[in-house]
């Protein structure tokens, strides 16, 4: 709590550091990324991506908002993994899109 304000004058925002108030740091629920793999129920193809909200992203894929997956709906999640940073998520995404990564995902089916 900010000690420089008189008692009773400390509002709820006074207890939150300015960097958090301004949105510099995301809250704990959105700090992590989810790397995910989807499987098309139409033809069995696999799509790999990463996001902060995997359920929302799945809805977007299944509603046709994503060009690359629109024609192969519906999709189901076959794999998820948590990554602590965007860079780690991107590296895992690239790996899963590689030949070896795709083989691993196909073996999960």
C-alpha atoms as a PDB file:
ATOM      1  CA  UNK A   1       0.000   0.000   0.000  1.00  0.00           C
ATOM      2  CA  UNK A   2       1.271   3.492  -0.757  1.00  0.00           C
ATOM      3  CA  UNK A   3       2.532   4.849   2.574  1.00  0.00           C
ATOM      4  CA  UNK A   4       2.742   8.450   1.378  1.00  0.00           C
ATOM      5  CA  UNK A   5      -1.062   8.847   1.339  1.00  0.00           C
ATOM      6  CA  UNK A   6      -3.023   9.524   4.520  1.00  0.00           C
ATOM      7  CA  UNK A   7      -5.075   6.661   5.944  1.00  0.00           C
ATOM      8  CA  UNK A   8      -8.423   6.390   4.193  1.00  0.00           C
ATOM      9  CA  UNK A   9      -7.131   8.077   1.024  1.00  0.00           C
ATOM     10  CA  UNK A  10      -5.653   4.929  -0.451  1.00  0.00           C
ATOM     11  CA  UNK A  11      -8.016   3.789  -3.190  1.00  0.00           C
ATOM     12  CA  UNK A  12      -7.832   0.412  -4.892  1.00  0.00           C
ATOM     13  CA  UNK A  13      -5.650   1.745  -7.734  1.00  0.00           C
ATOM     14  CA  UNK A  14      -3.145   3.098  -5.189  1.00  0.00           C
ATOM     15  CA  UNK A  15      -2.293  -0.479  -4.230  1.00  0.00           C
ATOM     16  CA  UNK A  16      -1.509  -1.491  -7.811  1.00  0.00           C
ATOM     17  CA  UNK A  17       1.899  -0.440  -9.172  1.00  0.00           C
ATOM     18  CA  UNK A  18       1.678   2.111 -11.987  1.00  0.00           C
ATOM     19  CA  UNK A  19       3.247  -0.301 -14.478  1.00  0.00           C
ATOM     20  CA  UNK A  20       0.365  -2.742 -13.918  1.00  0.00           C
ATOM     21  CA  UNK A  21      -2.258   0.004 -14.071  1.00  0.00           C
ATOM     22  CA  UNK A  22      -0.943   1.024 -17.479  1.00  0.00           C
ATOM     23  CA  UNK A  23      -1.008  -2.559 -18.702  1.00  0.00           C
ATOM     24  CA  UNK A  24       2.762  -2.928 -18.965  1.00  0.00           C
ATOM     25  CA  UNK A  25       2.579  -6.349 -17.343  1.00  0.00           C
ATOM     26  CA  UNK A  26      -0.243  -8.779 -18.120  1.00  0.00           C
ATOM     27  CA  UNK A  27      -2.143 -10.349 -15.239  1.00  0.00           C
ATOM     28  CA  UNK A  28      -1.154 -13.856 -14.137  1.00  0.00           C
ATOM     29  CA  UNK A  29      -3.850 -15.596 -16.203  1.00  0.00           C
ATOM     30  CA  UNK A  30      -2.495 -14.277 -19.503  1.00  0.00           C
ATOM     31  CA  UNK A  31       1.248 -14.402 -18.922  1.00  0.00           C
ATOM     32  CA  UNK A  32       1.600 -17.792 -20.561  1.00  0.00           C
ATOM     33  CA  UNK A  33       1.047 -18.967 -24.102  1.00  0.00           C
ATOM     34  CA  UNK A  34      -0.486 -22.250 -25.173  1.00  0.00           C
ATOM     35  CA  UNK A  35       0.998 -24.065 -28.143  1.00  0.00           C
ATOM     36  CA  UNK A  36      -1.741 -26.166 -29.686  1.00  0.00           C
ATOM     37  CA  UNK A  37      -2.361 -28.654 -32.473  1.00  0.00           C
ATOM     38  CA  UNK A  38      -5.736 -29.100 -34.114  1.00  0.00           C
ATOM     39  CA  UNK A  39      -6.971 -31.963 -36.233  1.00  0.00           C
ATOM     40  CA  UNK A  40      -9.535 -31.487 -38.967  1.00  0.00           C
ATOM     41  CA  UNK A  41     -12.450 -33.898 -38.664  1.00  0.00           C
ATOM     42  CA  UNK A  42     -13.056 -33.355 -42.374  1.00  0.00           C
ATOM     43  CA  UNK A  43      -9.784 -34.706 -43.763  1.00  0.00           C
ATOM     44  CA  UNK A  44      -7.451 -35.378 -40.807  1.00  0.00           C
ATOM     45  CA  UNK A  45      -4.974 -32.584 -41.514  1.00  0.00           C
ATOM     46  CA  UNK A  46      -3.120 -31.017 -38.583  1.00  0.00           C
ATOM     47  CA  UNK A  47      -2.809 -27.304 -37.819  1.00  0.00           C
ATOM     48  CA  UNK A  48      -0.306 -25.944 -35.262  1.00  0.00           C
ATOM     49  CA  UNK A  49      -0.351 -22.521 -33.617  1.00  0.00           C
ATOM     50  CA  UNK A  50      -0.021 -20.690 -30.312  1.00  0.00           C
ATOM     51  CA  UNK A  51      -2.236 -18.312 -28.401  1.00  0.00           C
ATOM     52  CA  UNK A  52      -3.017 -16.939 -24.962  1.00  0.00           C
ATOM     53  CA  UNK A  53      -6.612 -18.228 -25.042  1.00  0.00           C
ATOM     54  CA  UNK A  54      -6.832 -21.647 -26.674  1.00  0.00           C
ATOM     55  CA  UNK A  55     -10.606 -22.075 -26.256  1.00  0.00           C
ATOM     56  CA  UNK A  56     -11.277 -18.725 -27.934  1.00  0.00           C
ATOM     57  CA  UNK A  57      -8.834 -19.588 -30.709  1.00  0.00           C
ATOM     58  CA  UNK A  58     -10.551 -22.946 -31.323  1.00  0.00           C
ATOM     59  CA  UNK A  59     -13.901 -21.141 -31.638  1.00  0.00           C
ATOM     60  CA  UNK A  60     -12.320 -18.791 -34.192  1.00  0.00           C
ATOM     61  CA  UNK A  61     -10.997 -21.720 -36.226  1.00  0.00           C
ATOM     62  CA  UNK A  62     -14.362 -23.497 -36.132  1.00  0.00           C
ATOM     63  CA  UNK A  63     -16.350 -20.368 -37.004  1.00  0.00           C
ATOM     64  CA  UNK A  64     -14.300 -19.748 -40.166  1.00  0.00           C
ATOM     65  CA  UNK A  65     -12.463 -16.608 -38.983  1.00  0.00           C
ATOM     66  CA  UNK A  66      -9.077 -18.093 -39.908  1.00  0.00           C
ATOM     67  CA  UNK A  67      -8.472 -18.294 -43.667  1.00  0.00           C
ATOM     68  CA  UNK A  68      -6.030 -21.181 -43.547  1.00  0.00           C
ATOM     69  CA  UNK A  69      -8.388 -23.453 -41.608  1.00  0.00           C
ATOM     70  CA  UNK A  70     -11.789 -22.257 -42.835  1.00  0.00           C
ATOM     71  CA  UNK A  71     -12.219 -24.913 -45.514  1.00  0.00           C
ATOM     72  CA  UNK A  72     -11.386 -27.863 -43.265  1.00  0.00           C
ATOM     73  CA  UNK A  73     -13.818 -27.393 -40.370  1.00  0.00           C
ATOM     74  CA  UNK A  74     -14.624 -28.714 -37.803  1.00  0.00           C
ATOM     75  CA  UNK A  75     -11.422 -28.870 -35.755  1.00  0.00           C
ATOM     76  CA  UNK A  76     -10.610 -30.590 -32.472  1.00  0.00           C
ATOM     77  CA  UNK A  77      -7.661 -30.021 -30.146  1.00  0.00           C
ATOM     78  CA  UNK A  78      -5.259 -32.970 -30.109  1.00  0.00           C
ATOM     79  CA  UNK A  79      -2.297 -31.392 -28.284  1.00  0.00           C
ATOM     80  CA  UNK A  80      -1.565 -28.464 -25.964  1.00  0.00           C
ATOM     81  CA  UNK A  81       1.571 -27.317 -24.176  1.00  0.00           C
ATOM     82  CA  UNK A  82       2.190 -24.259 -21.994  1.00  0.00           C
ATOM     83  CA  UNK A  83       5.063 -21.913 -22.888  1.00  0.00           C
ATOM     84  CA  UNK A  84       6.268 -19.189 -20.527  1.00  0.00           C
ATOM     85  CA  UNK A  85       7.244 -16.684 -23.224  1.00  0.00           C
ATOM     86  CA  UNK A  86       6.143 -15.809 -26.742  1.00  0.00           C
ATOM     87  CA  UNK A  87       9.589 -16.783 -28.013  1.00  0.00           C
ATOM     88  CA  UNK A  88       9.373 -20.228 -26.381  1.00  0.00           C
ATOM     89  CA  UNK A  89       5.890 -20.700 -27.845  1.00  0.00           C
ATOM     90  CA  UNK A  90       7.101 -19.743 -31.319  1.00  0.00           C
ATOM     91  CA  UNK A  91      10.073 -22.121 -31.089  1.00  0.00           C
ATOM     92  CA  UNK A  92       7.793 -25.008 -30.073  1.00  0.00           C
ATOM     93  CA  UNK A  93       5.352 -24.113 -32.859  1.00  0.00           C
ATOM     94  CA  UNK A  94       8.156 -24.210 -35.430  1.00  0.00           C
ATOM     95  CA  UNK A  95       9.335 -27.567 -34.076  1.00  0.00           C
ATOM     96  CA  UNK A  96       5.833 -29.073 -34.236  1.00  0.00           C
ATOM     97  CA  UNK A  97       5.459 -27.826 -37.821  1.00  0.00           C
ATOM     98  CA  UNK A  98       8.679 -29.607 -38.805  1.00  0.00           C
ATOM     99  CA  UNK A  99       8.724 -33.140 -40.171  1.00  0.00           C
ATOM    100  CA  UNK A 100       9.662 -34.679 -36.835  1.00  0.00           C
ATOM    101  CA  UNK A 101       7.109 -32.572 -34.978  1.00  0.00           C
ATOM    102  CA  UNK A 102       4.312 -33.548 -37.371  1.00  0.00           C
ATOM    103  CA  UNK A 103       5.206 -37.223 -36.925  1.00  0.00           C
ATOM    104  CA  UNK A 104       4.946 -36.830 -33.145  1.00  0.00           C
ATOM    105  CA  UNK A 105       1.521 -35.225 -33.521  1.00  0.00           C
ATOM    106  CA  UNK A 106       0.348 -37.928 -35.922  1.00  0.00           C
ATOM    107  CA  UNK A 107       1.384 -40.591 -33.395  1.00  0.00           C
ATOM    108  CA  UNK A 108      -0.967 -38.997 -30.818  1.00  0.00           C
ATOM    109  CA  UNK A 109      -4.038 -39.675 -32.940  1.00  0.00           C
END
